[in-house]
Amino acid sequence: MNLQDLNKICFTVCIVSIVLGMALALAMIWGEAQNSEFIWKSWLTIGVFFFSSAATLSVSKTLGGRTKDREES
């Protein structure tokens, strides 16, 4: 897999996670489901997706930079 493709996928997952988190927060503010188990599981799931793709993105950027340095030498 190309590192640029991986970066695009990770950015997409991060943006989707942010949008879903915003929608869930608005639902908690305006809706009736404030302290349900489903809400907490949803927050944790969105958080896991966001942080795992952010970590993958940071590792990809770090290793991608090192790979480019080797190719230029």
PDB file of N, CA and C in Angstrom:
ATOM      1  N   MET A   1       0.842  -1.172   0.000  1.00  0.00           N
ATOM      2  CA  MET A   1       0.000   0.000   0.000  1.00  0.00           C
ATOM      3  C   MET A   1       0.891   1.240   0.000  1.00  0.00           C
ATOM      4  N   ASN A   2       0.534   2.183  -0.813  1.00  0.00           N
ATOM      5  CA  ASN A   2       1.245   3.443  -0.913  1.00  0.00           C
ATOM      6  C   ASN A   2       0.984   4.273   0.353  1.00  0.00           C
ATOM      7  N   LEU A   3       2.027   4.961   0.823  1.00  0.00           N
ATOM      8  CA  LEU A   3       1.869   5.756   2.042  1.00  0.00           C
ATOM      9  C   LEU A   3       0.908   6.923   1.842  1.00  0.00           C
ATOM     10  N   GLN A   4       0.845   7.478   0.647  1.00  0.00           N
ATOM     11  CA  GLN A   4      -0.110   8.563   0.399  1.00  0.00           C
ATOM     12  C   GLN A   4      -1.544   8.059   0.506  1.00  0.00           C
ATOM     13  N   ASP A   5      -1.799   6.844   0.017  1.00  0.00           N
ATOM     14  CA  ASP A   5      -3.137   6.269   0.146  1.00  0.00           C
ATOM     15  C   ASP A   5      -3.491   6.033   1.607  1.00  0.00           C
ATOM     16  N   LEU A   6      -2.527   5.542   2.371  1.00  0.00           N
ATOM     17  CA  LEU A   6      -2.744   5.311   3.796  1.00  0.00           C
ATOM     18  C   LEU A   6      -3.035   6.630   4.515  1.00  0.00           C
ATOM     19  N   ASN A   7      -2.300   7.679   4.163  1.00  0.00           N
ATOM     20  CA  ASN A   7      -2.535   8.992   4.772  1.00  0.00           C
ATOM     21  C   ASN A   7      -3.928   9.510   4.447  1.00  0.00           C
ATOM     22  N   LYS A   8      -4.366   9.342   3.215  1.00  0.00           N
ATOM     23  CA  LYS A   8      -5.706   9.792   2.820  1.00  0.00           C
ATOM     24  C   LYS A   8      -6.783   9.038   3.585  1.00  0.00           C
ATOM     25  N   ILE A   9      -6.594   7.740   3.748  1.00  0.00           N
ATOM     26  CA  ILE A   9      -7.567   6.930   4.488  1.00  0.00           C
ATOM     27  C   ILE A   9      -7.619   7.370   5.946  1.00  0.00           C
ATOM     28  N   CYS A  10      -6.450   7.595   6.559  1.00  0.00           N
ATOM     29  CA  CYS A  10      -6.402   8.004   7.963  1.00  0.00           C
ATOM     30  C   CYS A  10      -7.015   9.384   8.165  1.00  0.00           C
ATOM     31  N   PHE A  11      -6.717  10.319   7.252  1.00  0.00           N
ATOM     32  CA  PHE A  11      -7.338  11.639   7.348  1.00  0.00           C
ATOM     33  C   PHE A  11      -8.843  11.537   7.226  1.00  0.00           C
ATOM     34  N   THR A  12      -9.315  10.694   6.317  1.00  0.00           N
ATOM     35  CA  THR A  12     -10.762  10.515   6.135  1.00  0.00           C
ATOM     36  C   THR A  12     -11.404   9.958   7.396  1.00  0.00           C
ATOM     37  N   VAL A  13     -10.781   8.952   7.999  1.00  0.00           N
ATOM     38  CA  VAL A  13     -11.321   8.368   9.223  1.00  0.00           C
ATOM     39  C   VAL A  13     -11.331   9.406  10.342  1.00  0.00           C
ATOM     40  N   CYS A  14     -10.289  10.218  10.447  1.00  0.00           N
ATOM     41  CA  CYS A  14     -10.247  11.262  11.475  1.00  0.00           C
ATOM     42  C   CYS A  14     -11.359  12.283  11.271  1.00  0.00           C
ATOM     43  N   ILE A  15     -11.562  12.718  10.036  1.00  0.00           N
ATOM     44  CA  ILE A  15     -12.603  13.716   9.768  1.00  0.00           C
ATOM     45  C   ILE A  15     -13.984  13.135  10.017  1.00  0.00           C
ATOM     46  N   VAL A  16     -14.212  11.900   9.604  1.00  0.00           N
ATOM     47  CA  VAL A  16     -15.508  11.260   9.848  1.00  0.00           C
ATOM     48  C   VAL A  16     -15.733  11.113  11.349  1.00  0.00           C
ATOM     49  N   SER A  17     -14.694  10.764  12.098  1.00  0.00           N
ATOM     50  CA  SER A  17     -14.817  10.637  13.554  1.00  0.00           C
ATOM     51  C   SER A  17     -15.170  11.972  14.194  1.00  0.00           C
ATOM     52  N   ILE A  18     -14.571  13.048  13.721  1.00  0.00           N
ATOM     53  CA  ILE A  18     -14.875  14.370  14.261  1.00  0.00           C
ATOM     54  C   ILE A  18     -16.324  14.745  13.977  1.00  0.00           C
ATOM     55  N   VAL A  19     -16.772  14.489  12.750  1.00  0.00           N
ATOM     56  CA  VAL A  19     -18.156  14.812  12.385  1.00  0.00           C
ATOM     57  C   VAL A  19     -19.141  13.973  13.203  1.00  0.00           C
ATOM     58  N   LEU A  20     -18.866  12.681  13.355  1.00  0.00           N
ATOM     59  CA  LEU A  20     -19.753  11.827  14.157  1.00  0.00           C
ATOM     60  C   LEU A  20     -19.751  12.250  15.618  1.00  0.00           C
ATOM     61  N   GLY A  21     -18.580  12.628  16.133  1.00  0.00           N
ATOM     62  CA  GLY A  21     -18.509  13.112  17.509  1.00  0.00           C
ATOM     63  C   GLY A  21     -19.317  14.386  17.709  1.00  0.00           C
ATOM     64  N   MET A  22     -19.266  15.277  16.721  1.00  0.00           N
ATOM     65  CA  MET A  22     -20.054  16.502  16.803  1.00  0.00           C
ATOM     66  C   MET A  22     -21.548  16.181  16.771  1.00  0.00           C
ATOM     67  N   ALA A  23     -21.949  15.276  15.892  1.00  0.00           N
ATOM     68  CA  ALA A  23     -23.361  14.899  15.814  1.00  0.00           C
ATOM     69  C   ALA A  23     -23.823  14.232  17.111  1.00  0.00           C
ATOM     70  N   LEU A  24     -22.975  13.395  17.681  1.00  0.00           N
ATOM     71  CA  LEU A  24     -23.322  12.734  18.935  1.00  0.00           C
ATOM     72  C   LEU A  24     -23.417  13.750  20.078  1.00  0.00           C
ATOM     73  N   ALA A  25     -22.503  14.718  20.092  1.00  0.00           N
ATOM     74  CA  ALA A  25     -22.553  15.753  21.128  1.00  0.00           C
ATOM     75  C   ALA A  25     -23.830  16.579  21.007  1.00  0.00           C
ATOM     76  N   LEU A  26     -24.206  16.941  19.786  1.00  0.00           N
ATOM     77  CA  LEU A  26     -25.454  17.685  19.593  1.00  0.00           C
ATOM     78  C   LEU A  26     -26.667  16.855  19.996  1.00  0.00           C
ATOM     79  N   ALA A  27     -26.618  15.562  19.710  1.00  0.00           N
ATOM     80  CA  ALA A  27     -27.720  14.692  20.117  1.00  0.00           C
ATOM     81  C   ALA A  27     -27.814  14.607  21.636  1.00  0.00           C
ATOM     82  N   MET A  28     -26.670  14.626  22.301  1.00  0.00           N
ATOM     83  CA  MET A  28     -26.686  14.588  23.764  1.00  0.00           C
ATOM     84  C   MET A  28     -27.215  15.894  24.337  1.00  0.00           C
ATOM     85  N   ILE A  29     -26.890  17.006  23.696  1.00  0.00           N
ATOM     86  CA  ILE A  29     -27.351  18.306  24.184  1.00  0.00           C
ATOM     87  C   ILE A  29     -28.848  18.462  23.973  1.00  0.00           C
ATOM     88  N   TRP A  30     -29.328  18.162  22.778  1.00  0.00           N
ATOM     89  CA  TRP A  30     -30.708  18.436  22.419  1.00  0.00           C
ATOM     90  C   TRP A  30     -31.633  17.237  22.586  1.00  0.00           C
ATOM     91  N   GLY A  31     -31.076  16.050  22.694  1.00  0.00           N
ATOM     92  CA  GLY A  31     -31.911  14.849  22.768  1.00  0.00           C
ATOM     93  C   GLY A  31     -32.157  14.381  24.182  1.00  0.00           C
ATOM     94  N   GLU A  32     -32.799  13.260  24.274  1.00  0.00           N
ATOM     95  CA  GLU A  32     -33.155  12.673  25.561  1.00  0.00           C
ATOM     96  C   GLU A  32     -32.143  11.632  26.041  1.00  0.00           C
ATOM     97  N   ALA A  33     -31.217  11.226  25.193  1.00  0.00           N
ATOM     98  CA  ALA A  33     -30.287  10.135  25.517  1.00  0.00           C
ATOM     99  C   ALA A  33     -28.991  10.689  26.087  1.00  0.00           C
ATOM    100  N   GLN A  34     -29.026  11.175  27.307  1.00  0.00           N
ATOM    101  CA  GLN A  34     -27.828  11.804  27.862  1.00  0.00           C
ATOM    102  C   GLN A  34     -26.942  10.838  28.643  1.00  0.00           C
ATOM    103  N   ASN A  35     -27.485   9.925  29.357  1.00  0.00           N
ATOM    104  CA  ASN A  35     -26.665   9.035  30.173  1.00  0.00           C
ATOM    105  C   ASN A  35     -26.914   7.564  29.874  1.00  0.00           C
ATOM    106  N   SER A  36     -27.170   7.249  28.630  1.00  0.00           N
ATOM    107  CA  SER A  36     -27.428   5.851  28.307  1.00  0.00           C
ATOM    108  C   SER A  36     -26.113   5.125  28.004  1.00  0.00           C
ATOM    109  N   GLU A  37     -26.149   3.829  28.113  1.00  0.00           N
ATOM    110  CA  GLU A  37     -24.986   2.996  27.835  1.00  0.00           C
ATOM    111  C   GLU A  37     -24.598   3.095  26.354  1.00  0.00           C
ATOM    112  N   PHE A  38     -25.595   3.218  25.489  1.00  0.00           N
ATOM    113  CA  PHE A  38     -25.342   3.339  24.057  1.00  0.00           C
ATOM    114  C   PHE A  38     -24.509   4.583  23.739  1.00  0.00           C
ATOM    115  N   ILE A  39     -24.796   5.688  24.392  1.00  0.00           N
ATOM    116  CA  ILE A  39     -24.058   6.936  24.159  1.00  0.00           C
ATOM    117  C   ILE A  39     -22.595   6.771  24.553  1.00  0.00           C
ATOM    118  N   TRP A  40     -22.349   6.180  25.706  1.00  0.00           N
ATOM    119  CA  TRP A  40     -20.969   5.998  26.149  1.00  0.00           C
ATOM    120  C   TRP A  40     -20.207   5.059  25.231  1.00  0.00           C
ATOM    121  N   LYS A  41     -20.852   3.991  24.802  1.00  0.00           N
ATOM    122  CA  LYS A  41     -20.190   3.066  23.870  1.00  0.00           C
ATOM    123  C   LYS A  41     -19.932   3.739  22.530  1.00  0.00           C
ATOM    124  N   SER A  42     -20.828   4.599  22.100  1.00  0.00           N
ATOM    125  CA  SER A  42     -20.624   5.331  20.854  1.00  0.00           C
ATOM    126  C   SER A  42     -19.429   6.273  20.963  1.00  0.00           C
ATOM    127  N   TRP A  43     -19.339   7.022  22.081  1.00  0.00           N
ATOM    128  CA  TRP A  43     -18.201   7.917  22.280  1.00  0.00           C
ATOM    129  C   TRP A  43     -16.888   7.147  22.282  1.00  0.00           C
ATOM    130  N   LEU A  44     -16.862   6.029  22.988  1.00  0.00           N
ATOM    131  CA  LEU A  44     -15.633   5.248  23.061  1.00  0.00           C
ATOM    132  C   LEU A  44     -15.249   4.667  21.700  1.00  0.00           C
ATOM    133  N   THR A  45     -16.233   4.228  20.928  1.00  0.00           N
ATOM    134  CA  THR A  45     -15.957   3.692  19.596  1.00  0.00           C
ATOM    135  C   THR A  45     -15.396   4.769  18.677  1.00  0.00           C
ATOM    136  N   ILE A  46     -16.006   5.941  18.695  1.00  0.00           N
ATOM    137  CA  ILE A  46     -15.513   7.048  17.871  1.00  0.00           C
ATOM    138  C   ILE A  46     -14.096   7.430  18.308  1.00  0.00           C
ATOM    139  N   GLY A  47     -13.854   7.453  19.607  1.00  0.00           N
ATOM    140  CA  GLY A  47     -12.522   7.772  20.118  1.00  0.00           C
ATOM    141  C   GLY A  47     -11.470   6.766  19.690  1.00  0.00           C
ATOM    142  N   VAL A  48     -11.817   5.492  19.730  1.00  0.00           N
ATOM    143  CA  VAL A  48     -10.879   4.454  19.311  1.00  0.00           C
ATOM    144  C   VAL A  48     -10.539   4.610  17.828  1.00  0.00           C
ATOM    145  N   PHE A  49     -11.550   4.841  16.992  1.00  0.00           N
ATOM    146  CA  PHE A  49     -11.295   5.040  15.568  1.00  0.00           C
ATOM    147  C   PHE A  49     -10.411   6.266  15.337  1.00  0.00           C
ATOM    148  N   PHE A  50     -10.724   7.363  16.015  1.00  0.00           N
ATOM    149  CA  PHE A  50      -9.964   8.600  15.812  1.00  0.00           C
ATOM    150  C   PHE A  50      -8.511   8.429  16.245  1.00  0.00           C
ATOM    151  N   PHE A  51      -8.289   7.954  17.461  1.00  0.00           N
ATOM    152  CA  PHE A  51      -6.921   7.870  17.963  1.00  0.00           C
ATOM    153  C   PHE A  51      -6.099   6.804  17.257  1.00  0.00           C
ATOM    154  N   SER A  52      -6.724   5.712  16.834  1.00  0.00           N
ATOM    155  CA  SER A  52      -5.954   4.707  16.095  1.00  0.00           C
ATOM    156  C   SER A  52      -5.565   5.211  14.713  1.00  0.00           C
ATOM    157  N   SER A  53      -6.453   5.936  14.041  1.00  0.00           N
ATOM    158  CA  SER A  53      -6.062   6.472  12.739  1.00  0.00           C
ATOM    159  C   SER A  53      -5.086   7.625  12.886  1.00  0.00           C
ATOM    160  N   ALA A  54      -5.189   8.422  13.935  1.00  0.00           N
ATOM    161  CA  ALA A  54      -4.205   9.482  14.167  1.00  0.00           C
ATOM    162  C   ALA A  54      -2.828   8.890  14.474  1.00  0.00           C
ATOM    163  N   ALA A  55      -2.788   7.819  15.247  1.00  0.00           N
ATOM    164  CA  ALA A  55      -1.512   7.156  15.538  1.00  0.00           C
ATOM    165  C   ALA A  55      -0.922   6.535  14.276  1.00  0.00           C
ATOM    166  N   THR A  56      -1.757   5.904  13.467  1.00  0.00           N
ATOM    167  CA  THR A  56      -1.291   5.332  12.208  1.00  0.00           C
ATOM    168  C   THR A  56      -0.751   6.423  11.292  1.00  0.00           C
ATOM    169  N   LEU A  57      -1.439   7.553  11.265  1.00  0.00           N
ATOM    170  CA  LEU A  57      -1.003   8.673  10.439  1.00  0.00           C
ATOM    171  C   LEU A  57       0.347   9.210  10.905  1.00  0.00           C
ATOM    172  N   SER A  58       0.540   9.334  12.212  1.00  0.00           N
ATOM    173  CA  SER A  58       1.813   9.851  12.715  1.00  0.00           C
ATOM    174  C   SER A  58       2.959   8.877  12.438  1.00  0.00           C
ATOM    175  N   VAL A  59       2.709   7.579  12.588  1.00  0.00           N
ATOM    176  CA  VAL A  59       3.742   6.586  12.278  1.00  0.00           C
ATOM    177  C   VAL A  59       4.049   6.606  10.785  1.00  0.00           C
ATOM    178  N   SER A  60       3.027   6.718   9.971  1.00  0.00           N
ATOM    179  CA  SER A  60       3.209   6.768   8.525  1.00  0.00           C
ATOM    180  C   SER A  60       4.037   7.984   8.119  1.00  0.00           C
ATOM    181  N   LYS A  61       3.730   9.135   8.712  1.00  0.00           N
ATOM    182  CA  LYS A  61       4.496  10.347   8.409  1.00  0.00           C
ATOM    183  C   LYS A  61       5.949  10.198   8.849  1.00  0.00           C
ATOM    184  N   THR A  62       6.176   9.608  10.021  1.00  0.00           N
ATOM    185  CA  THR A  62       7.534   9.431  10.525  1.00  0.00           C
ATOM    186  C   THR A  62       8.318   8.483   9.645  1.00  0.00           C
ATOM    187  N   LEU A  63       7.761   7.336   9.344  1.00  0.00           N
ATOM    188  CA  LEU A  63       8.461   6.357   8.515  1.00  0.00           C
ATOM    189  C   LEU A  63       8.550   6.809   7.069  1.00  0.00           C
ATOM    190  N   GLY A  64       7.559   7.529   6.588  1.00  0.00           N
ATOM    191  CA  GLY A  64       7.594   8.041   5.224  1.00  0.00           C
ATOM    192  C   GLY A  64       8.707   9.049   5.035  1.00  0.00           C
ATOM    193  N   GLY A  65       8.946   9.877   6.043  1.00  0.00           N
ATOM    194  CA  GLY A  65      10.031  10.842   5.979  1.00  0.00           C
ATOM    195  C   GLY A  65      11.384  10.163   5.978  1.00  0.00           C
ATOM    196  N   ARG A  66      11.528   9.113   6.738  1.00  0.00           N
ATOM    197  CA  ARG A  66      12.794   8.381   6.772  1.00  0.00           C
ATOM    198  C   ARG A  66      13.028   7.651   5.464  1.00  0.00           C
ATOM    199  N   THR A  67      11.986   7.118   4.859  1.00  0.00           N
ATOM    200  CA  THR A  67      12.122   6.411   3.591  1.00  0.00           C
ATOM    201  C   THR A  67      12.568   7.382   2.497  1.00  0.00           C
ATOM    202  N   LYS A  68      12.009   8.590   2.475  1.00  0.00           N
ATOM    203  CA  LYS A  68      12.390   9.589   1.478  1.00  0.00           C
ATOM    204  C   LYS A  68      13.837  10.003   1.670  1.00  0.00           C
ATOM    205  N   ASP A  69      14.295  10.106   2.926  1.00  0.00           N
ATOM    206  CA  ASP A  69      15.679  10.472   3.192  1.00  0.00           C
ATOM    207  C   ASP A  69      16.624   9.409   2.658  1.00  0.00           C
ATOM    208  N   ARG A  70      16.290   8.146   2.786  1.00  0.00           N
ATOM    209  CA  ARG A  70      17.124   7.057   2.276  1.00  0.00           C
ATOM    210  C   ARG A  70      17.180   7.053   0.759  1.00  0.00           C
ATOM    211  N   GLU A  71      16.036   7.335   0.116  1.00  0.00           N
ATOM    212  CA  GLU A  71      15.982   7.324  -1.343  1.00  0.00           C
ATOM    213  C   GLU A  71      16.834   8.433  -1.939  1.00  0.00           C
ATOM    214  N   GLU A  72      16.918   9.580  -1.259  1.00  0.00           N
ATOM    215  CA  GLU A  72      17.687  10.712  -1.768  1.00  0.00           C
ATOM    216  C   GLU A  72      19.186  10.505  -1.608  1.00  0.00           C
ATOM    217  N   SER A  73      19.605   9.699  -0.623  1.00  0.00           N
ATOM    218  CA  SER A  73      21.036   9.499  -0.356  1.00  0.00           C
ATOM    219  C   SER A  73      21.701   8.652  -1.388  1.00  0.00           C
TER     220      SER A  73
END
